[in-house]
N, C-alpha and C. Protein backbone atom coordinates (compact mmCIF):
# COMPACT_ATOMS: atom_id res chain seq x y z
N MET A 1 0.51 -1.42 0.23
CA MET A 1 -0.30 0.08 -0.18
C MET A 1 0.73 1.35 0.09
N SER A 2 0.80 2.01 -0.73
CA SER A 2 1.27 3.38 -0.92
C SER A 2 0.29 4.73 -1.16
N LYS A 3 0.90 5.74 -0.48
CA LYS A 3 0.23 7.01 -0.49
C LYS A 3 0.46 8.16 -1.87
N GLU A 4 -0.27 8.80 -2.53
CA GLU A 4 0.06 9.54 -3.25
C GLU A 4 -1.27 11.00 -2.98
N LYS A 5 -0.72 12.13 -2.58
CA LYS A 5 -0.94 13.29 -1.95
C LYS A 5 -2.00 12.95 -1.09
N GLY A 6 -1.40 11.97 0.01
CA GLY A 6 -2.52 11.47 0.99
C GLY A 6 -3.73 10.71 0.92
N VAL A 7 -3.78 9.89 -0.19
CA VAL A 7 -4.53 9.13 -0.87
C VAL A 7 -4.07 7.44 -1.22
N ILE A 8 -5.04 6.67 -0.34
CA ILE A 8 -3.99 5.41 -0.53
C ILE A 8 -4.40 4.86 -1.83
N ILE A 9 -3.25 4.25 -2.45
CA ILE A 9 -3.19 3.62 -3.58
C ILE A 9 -3.21 2.07 -3.04
N ILE A 10 -3.77 1.43 -3.43
CA ILE A 10 -4.09 0.09 -3.40
C ILE A 10 -2.64 -0.82 -4.34
N ASP A 11 -1.73 -1.41 -3.60
CA ASP A 11 -0.70 -2.20 -4.22
C ASP A 11 -1.46 -4.11 -4.22
N GLN A 12 -1.76 -4.34 -3.43
CA GLN A 12 -2.00 -5.91 -3.09
C GLN A 12 -3.63 -6.05 -2.88
N LYS A 13 -4.22 -7.42 -2.99
CA LYS A 13 -4.98 -7.61 -2.83
C LYS A 13 -5.42 -7.90 -1.33
N ALA A 14 -4.31 -7.98 -0.45
CA ALA A 14 -4.35 -8.23 0.81
C ALA A 14 -4.44 -7.08 1.53
N ASP A 15 -4.44 -5.74 0.83
CA ASP A 15 -4.65 -4.43 1.43
C ASP A 15 -5.72 -3.99 1.41
N LYS A 16 -6.44 -4.53 0.67
CA LYS A 16 -8.17 -4.22 0.74
C LYS A 16 -9.05 -4.53 1.94
N GLU A 17 -8.59 -5.87 2.47
CA GLU A 17 -9.55 -5.92 3.76
C GLU A 17 -8.94 -4.68 4.87
N ASP A 18 -7.90 -4.57 4.89
CA ASP A 18 -7.63 -3.46 5.83
C ASP A 18 -7.70 -2.17 5.63
N ILE A 19 -8.00 -1.99 4.20
CA ILE A 19 -8.67 -0.54 3.87
C ILE A 19 -10.20 -0.60 4.00
N CYS A 20 -10.77 -1.60 3.62
CA CYS A 20 -12.32 -1.43 4.14
C CYS A 20 -12.73 -1.84 5.47
N LYS A 21 -11.46 -2.12 6.47
CA LYS A 21 -11.94 -2.18 7.86
C LYS A 21 -11.90 -0.68 8.58
N LYS A 22 -10.97 -0.02 7.49
CA LYS A 22 -10.67 1.54 8.53
C LYS A 22 -11.39 2.35 7.76
N ILE A 23 -12.10 2.23 6.17
CA ILE A 23 -13.11 3.08 5.98
C ILE A 23 -14.22 2.69 6.79
N ALA A 24 -14.60 1.81 7.24
CA ALA A 24 -15.96 1.24 7.96
C ALA A 24 -15.64 2.17 9.46
N VAL A 25 -14.51 1.87 10.04
CA VAL A 25 -14.45 2.56 11.23
C VAL A 25 -14.32 3.95 11.17
N ASN A 26 -13.76 4.56 10.18
CA ASN A 26 -13.95 5.86 10.16
C ASN A 26 -15.31 6.81 10.09
N ALA A 27 -15.98 5.76 9.04
CA ALA A 27 -17.70 6.21 8.80
C ALA A 27 -18.20 6.18 10.12
N LEU A 28 -17.99 4.84 10.77
CA LEU A 28 -19.11 5.15 11.96
C LEU A 28 -18.68 5.74 12.90
N THR A 29 -17.47 6.29 13.10
CA THR A 29 -16.83 7.06 14.23
C THR A 29 -17.42 8.80 13.64
N THR A 30 -17.64 9.11 12.36
CA THR A 30 -18.13 9.96 12.14
C THR A 30 -19.61 10.06 12.44
N MET A 31 -20.44 8.94 12.12
CA MET A 31 -21.63 8.98 11.93
C MET A 31 -21.92 9.11 13.82
N THR A 32 -21.08 8.55 14.47
CA THR A 32 -21.93 8.55 15.95
C THR A 32 -21.44 9.81 16.59
N ASP A 33 -20.49 10.63 15.99
CA ASP A 33 -20.16 11.67 16.62
C ASP A 33 -21.34 12.86 16.20
N THR A 34 -21.32 12.68 14.86
CA THR A 34 -22.52 13.42 14.24
C THR A 34 -23.90 13.53 14.84
N LEU A 35 -24.26 12.29 14.93
CA LEU A 35 -25.38 11.82 15.43
C LEU A 35 -25.56 12.48 16.88
N VAL A 36 -24.63 12.44 17.59
CA VAL A 36 -24.87 12.62 19.07
C VAL A 36 -24.75 14.28 18.85
N GLU A 37 -24.02 14.78 18.20
CA GLU A 37 -24.05 16.50 17.83
C GLU A 37 -25.53 17.08 17.29
N MET A 38 -26.11 15.97 16.56
CA MET A 38 -27.65 16.49 15.89
C MET A 38 -28.59 16.20 17.00
N GLU A 39 -28.33 15.01 17.83
CA GLU A 39 -29.16 15.03 19.07
C GLU A 39 -29.33 15.95 19.96
N GLN A 40 -28.22 16.57 20.15
CA GLN A 40 -28.12 17.77 21.13
C GLN A 40 -28.77 19.18 20.67
N LEU A 41 -28.58 18.73 19.14
CA LEU A 41 -29.52 20.10 18.45
C LEU A 41 -30.84 20.03 18.33
N HIS A 42 -31.49 18.43 19.20
CA HIS A 42 -33.04 18.50 19.10
C HIS A 42 -33.19 18.10 17.59
N LEU A 43 -32.69 17.86 16.55
CA LEU A 43 -33.10 17.55 15.29
C LEU A 43 -33.57 16.43 15.36
N SER A 44 -34.72 16.30 14.43
CA SER A 44 -36.07 14.87 14.21
C SER A 44 -34.81 13.67 13.92
N GLU A 45 -35.47 12.55 14.00
CA GLU A 45 -34.87 11.17 13.78
C GLU A 45 -34.57 11.35 12.26
N LYS A 46 -36.05 12.11 11.70
CA LYS A 46 -35.58 12.08 9.99
C LYS A 46 -34.79 12.74 9.40
N GLU A 47 -34.41 14.18 10.01
CA GLU A 47 -33.50 14.70 9.67
C GLU A 47 -31.86 14.43 9.76
N MET A 48 -31.88 13.30 10.79
CA MET A 48 -30.72 12.77 11.21
C MET A 48 -30.34 11.92 10.05
N MET A 49 -31.22 10.93 10.01
CA MET A 49 -30.95 9.93 8.68
C MET A 49 -30.59 10.60 7.67
N ASN A 50 -31.19 11.52 7.27
CA ASN A 50 -31.17 12.09 5.68
C ASN A 50 -30.05 13.18 5.57
N LYS A 51 -29.67 13.56 6.69
CA LYS A 51 -28.50 14.48 6.38
C LYS A 51 -27.33 13.90 7.06
N CYS A 52 -27.20 12.74 7.56
CA CYS A 52 -25.97 11.81 8.05
C CYS A 52 -25.75 10.66 8.06
N VAL A 53 -26.74 9.61 8.52
CA VAL A 53 -26.80 8.44 8.12
C VAL A 53 -26.64 7.94 6.66
N TRP A 54 -27.28 8.20 6.00
CA TRP A 54 -27.54 7.96 4.51
C TRP A 54 -26.24 8.41 3.66
N PRO A 55 -25.89 9.63 3.96
CA PRO A 55 -24.85 10.17 2.90
C PRO A 55 -23.86 9.60 3.48
N ILE A 56 -23.43 8.74 4.89
CA ILE A 56 -22.14 8.41 5.30
C ILE A 56 -22.21 6.99 4.81
N LEU A 57 -23.33 6.41 4.54
CA LEU A 57 -23.50 4.77 4.34
C LEU A 57 -23.48 4.84 2.37
N ASN A 58 -23.84 5.70 1.92
CA ASN A 58 -23.82 5.80 0.18
C ASN A 58 -22.40 6.13 0.16
N GLU A 59 -21.40 6.95 0.93
CA GLU A 59 -20.00 7.11 0.59
C GLU A 59 -19.19 6.47 1.10
N ALA A 60 -19.47 5.40 1.84
CA ALA A 60 -18.93 4.36 2.32
C ALA A 60 -18.69 3.34 1.09
N ALA A 61 -20.35 2.90 0.74
CA ALA A 61 -20.58 1.58 -0.07
C ALA A 61 -19.74 2.09 -1.43
N LYS A 62 -19.65 3.58 -1.95
CA LYS A 62 -18.86 3.86 -2.79
C LYS A 62 -17.71 3.62 -2.78
N ARG A 63 -16.68 4.02 -1.44
CA ARG A 63 -15.42 3.41 -1.48
C ARG A 63 -15.14 2.21 -1.23
N PHE A 64 -15.93 1.41 -0.74
CA PHE A 64 -15.79 -0.01 -1.00
C PHE A 64 -15.92 -0.52 -2.06
N LYS A 65 -16.49 -0.25 -2.73
CA LYS A 65 -16.71 -0.23 -4.49
C LYS A 65 -15.27 0.15 -4.93
N ASP A 66 -14.98 1.21 -5.01
CA ASP A 66 -13.43 1.55 -5.27
C ASP A 66 -12.47 1.06 -4.81
N VAL A 67 -12.49 0.20 -3.75
CA VAL A 67 -11.26 -0.50 -3.35
C VAL A 67 -11.55 -1.94 -4.08
N GLN A 68 -12.47 -2.51 -4.54
CA GLN A 68 -12.88 -3.68 -5.30
C GLN A 68 -12.42 -3.46 -6.99
N ASN A 69 -12.89 -2.27 -6.99
CA ASN A 69 -12.03 -2.13 -8.37
C ASN A 69 -10.67 -1.54 -8.26
N ASP A 70 -9.67 -1.45 -7.81
CA ASP A 70 -8.53 -0.94 -7.23
C ASP A 70 -8.47 0.39 -7.97
N LYS A 71 -9.25 1.21 -7.45
CA LYS A 71 -9.32 2.60 -7.60
C LYS A 71 -8.46 3.49 -6.31
N GLU A 72 -8.21 4.90 -6.36
CA GLU A 72 -7.76 5.50 -5.51
C GLU A 72 -8.96 5.35 -4.13
N VAL A 73 -8.72 5.49 -3.13
CA VAL A 73 -9.48 5.43 -1.96
C VAL A 73 -9.01 6.59 -0.98
N GLU A 74 -10.15 7.34 -0.50
CA GLU A 74 -9.82 8.27 0.69
C GLU A 74 -10.64 7.42 1.88
N MET A 75 -9.81 7.29 2.56
CA MET A 75 -10.39 6.28 4.24
C MET A 75 -11.30 7.73 5.26
N ASN A 76 -10.73 8.94 5.34
CA ASN A 76 -11.12 9.66 5.94
C ASN A 76 -12.33 10.62 5.49
N ASN A 77 -12.22 11.93 6.20
CA ASN A 77 -13.43 12.88 5.38
C ASN A 77 -14.57 12.54 5.10
N PHE A 78 -15.27 11.55 6.32
CA PHE A 78 -16.74 11.26 6.12
C PHE A 78 -17.72 12.60 6.20
N ILE A 79 -16.91 13.43 7.16
CA ILE A 79 -17.57 14.45 7.59
C ILE A 79 -18.05 15.61 6.59
N TYR A 80 -17.40 15.57 5.28
CA TYR A 80 -18.00 16.77 4.35
C TYR A 80 -19.30 15.93 3.67
N VAL A 81 -19.71 14.73 3.99
CA VAL A 81 -20.82 14.58 3.21
C VAL A 81 -22.11 14.55 4.13
N VAL A 82 -21.82 15.06 5.30
CA VAL A 82 -22.90 15.03 6.27
C VAL A 82 -23.73 16.42 5.95
N GLY A 83 -24.64 16.84 5.74
CA GLY A 83 -25.29 17.96 5.90
C GLY A 83 -25.81 18.28 6.92
N LYS A 84 -25.07 18.67 8.05
CA LYS A 84 -25.35 19.68 9.13
C LYS A 84 -26.49 21.05 8.71
């Protein structure tokens, strides 16, 4: 595994599993932290689902697909998909 401009470049198939694990952990961490913030702002469950949960899940799915297709993958920065 190597990096180019901070983006992971997949060199071997063995790297794919580790990258997917890191993507999942980062997505869940961002989702959890953001949901706590949204709950403190008293947003409705529907708003939290539409602005946080679904965007992060969709972005994670896109990244998993990119890993399988040997494309460059960003493992962090899920916060940018959240529509606070």
